[in-house]
Protein backbone atom coordinates (compact mmCIF):
# COMPACT_ATOMS: atom_id res chain seq x y z
CA MET A 1 -9.51 -25.63 13.76
CA ALA A 2 -11.74 -23.34 11.55
CA GLY A 3 -10.49 -20.23 9.89
CA TRP A 4 -11.61 -16.62 10.42
CA TYR A 5 -11.80 -13.29 8.93
CA GLU A 6 -9.78 -10.22 10.17
CA LEU A 7 -11.25 -6.84 9.19
CA SER A 8 -8.78 -3.98 9.44
CA LYS A 9 -8.21 -0.37 8.61
CA SER A 10 -5.18 1.02 6.76
CA ASN A 11 -3.31 4.10 7.67
CA ASP A 12 -5.12 6.05 5.06
CA GLY A 13 -8.57 5.08 6.50
CA GLN A 14 -9.39 2.40 3.96
CA PHE A 15 -10.74 -1.03 4.96
CA ARG A 16 -9.57 -4.59 3.99
CA PHE A 17 -10.09 -8.11 5.14
CA VAL A 18 -8.03 -11.21 5.08
CA LEU A 19 -9.23 -14.76 5.41
CA LYS A 20 -7.00 -16.89 7.73
CA ALA A 21 -6.79 -20.65 7.88
CA GLY A 22 -6.91 -22.42 11.29
CA ASN A 23 -3.19 -22.30 11.64
CA GLY A 24 -3.27 -18.40 11.22
CA GLU A 25 -1.90 -18.24 7.84
CA VAL A 26 -3.46 -15.76 5.43
CA ILE A 27 -5.13 -17.59 2.49
CA LEU A 28 -7.03 -14.83 0.80
CA THR A 29 -6.64 -11.02 0.80
CA SER A 30 -9.26 -8.44 -0.34
CA GLU A 31 -8.82 -5.19 -2.14
CA LEU A 32 -8.95 -1.88 -0.19
CA TYR A 33 -12.45 -0.49 0.30
CA ARG A 34 -13.23 3.21 1.11
CA ALA A 35 -16.17 2.06 3.33
CA ARG A 36 -16.36 -0.44 6.06
CA ALA A 37 -19.77 -1.60 4.88
CA SER A 38 -18.16 -2.50 1.39
CA ALA A 39 -15.47 -4.57 3.16
CA GLU A 40 -18.29 -6.41 5.21
CA ASN A 41 -20.11 -7.01 1.93
CA GLY A 42 -16.83 -8.50 0.60
CA ILE A 43 -16.66 -10.85 3.48
CA ALA A 44 -20.33 -11.88 2.92
CA SER A 45 -19.47 -12.49 -0.79
CA VAL A 46 -16.58 -14.75 0.15
CA GLN A 47 -18.79 -16.64 2.61
CA LYS A 48 -21.27 -17.12 -0.13
CA ASN A 49 -18.95 -17.89 -3.08
CA SER A 50 -16.03 -19.70 -1.60
CA PRO A 51 -17.63 -23.18 -1.53
CA ASP A 52 -18.29 -23.07 -5.30
CA GLU A 53 -15.37 -24.44 -7.25
CA ALA A 54 -16.50 -22.63 -10.35
CA ARG A 55 -15.73 -19.29 -8.59
CA TYR A 56 -11.99 -19.81 -8.63
CA GLU A 57 -9.82 -18.28 -11.41
CA LEU A 58 -6.59 -20.06 -11.55
CA LYS A 59 -3.68 -17.83 -12.72
CA GLN A 60 0.05 -17.83 -13.39
CA ALA A 61 2.20 -14.70 -12.79
CA ALA A 62 4.97 -13.58 -15.06
CA ASN A 63 7.54 -15.02 -12.75
CA GLY A 64 6.01 -18.50 -13.18
CA LYS A 65 4.46 -18.67 -9.73
CA THR A 66 0.70 -19.58 -9.52
CA PHE A 67 -2.11 -17.93 -7.66
CA PHE A 68 -5.87 -17.62 -7.69
CA ASN A 69 -8.63 -15.13 -7.60
CA LEU A 70 -12.04 -15.83 -5.91
CA LEU A 71 -14.81 -14.31 -8.07
CA ALA A 72 -18.28 -13.15 -7.35
CA ALA A 73 -21.24 -14.20 -9.49
CA ASN A 74 -20.71 -11.01 -11.55
CA HIS A 75 -17.05 -12.03 -12.23
CA GLN A 76 -15.51 -9.34 -9.94
CA VAL A 77 -12.55 -10.38 -7.96
CA ILE A 78 -13.39 -10.69 -4.32
CA GLY A 79 -10.02 -11.71 -3.04
CA THR A 80 -6.53 -12.93 -4.14
CA SER A 81 -4.36 -15.64 -2.86
CA GLN A 82 -0.60 -15.53 -2.06
CA MET A 83 1.81 -16.76 -4.76
CA TYR A 84 2.50 -20.45 -4.85
CA ALA A 85 5.45 -22.29 -6.13
CA SER A 86 3.46 -25.03 -7.81
CA GLU A 87 0.03 -25.80 -9.01
CA ALA A 88 -0.34 -28.54 -6.30
CA SER A 89 0.27 -25.92 -3.62
CA ARG A 90 -2.30 -23.61 -5.30
CA ALA A 91 -4.75 -26.43 -5.21
CA THR A 92 -4.20 -26.93 -1.57
CA GLY A 93 -4.77 -23.17 -1.15
CA VAL A 94 -8.05 -23.24 -3.06
CA ALA A 95 -9.20 -26.22 -0.85
CA SER A 96 -8.33 -24.17 2.30
CA VAL A 97 -10.44 -21.23 1.10
CA ARG A 98 -13.23 -23.54 0.17
CA ASN A 99 -13.12 -25.06 3.64
CA CYS A 100 -12.63 -21.79 5.68
CA GLY A 101 -14.47 -19.25 3.63
CA PRO A 102 -18.00 -19.95 4.87
CA THR A 103 -17.04 -19.23 8.46
CA ASP A 104 -18.99 -16.48 10.33
CA LYS A 105 -16.13 -15.83 12.66
CA ILE A 106 -14.83 -12.18 12.12
CA LYS A 107 -12.06 -10.47 14.17
CA ASP A 108 -12.64 -6.71 14.05
CA LEU A 109 -9.14 -5.07 14.15
CA THR A 110 -10.36 -1.61 13.01
CA ALA A 111 -10.22 -0.03 16.52
CA SER A 112 -6.50 -0.78 16.67
CA ALA A 113 -5.60 1.09 13.42
């Protein structure tokens, strides 16, 4: 089952999106955007950049857990993963974003906020 994006609006009126895997697990989270169009542009950027292995910045947090950022061509962070206990788990997360990121399925949850 393919993944999908969920576009939502926060209580303070800002927009964000998450990319979910086919099992419903969040695999990538965006920053907050003031404008809906900016969040939609962020989704388009994930769709374009997620298949490219070179766009992934592999990181380690101070607590030893690993995570990754997906970067645009201009090196700006488009989205950030969850924290993983191991590098192997992080690699699985990257593979999932590479697989699900190109999807054009977007669930608009902004009306429910």
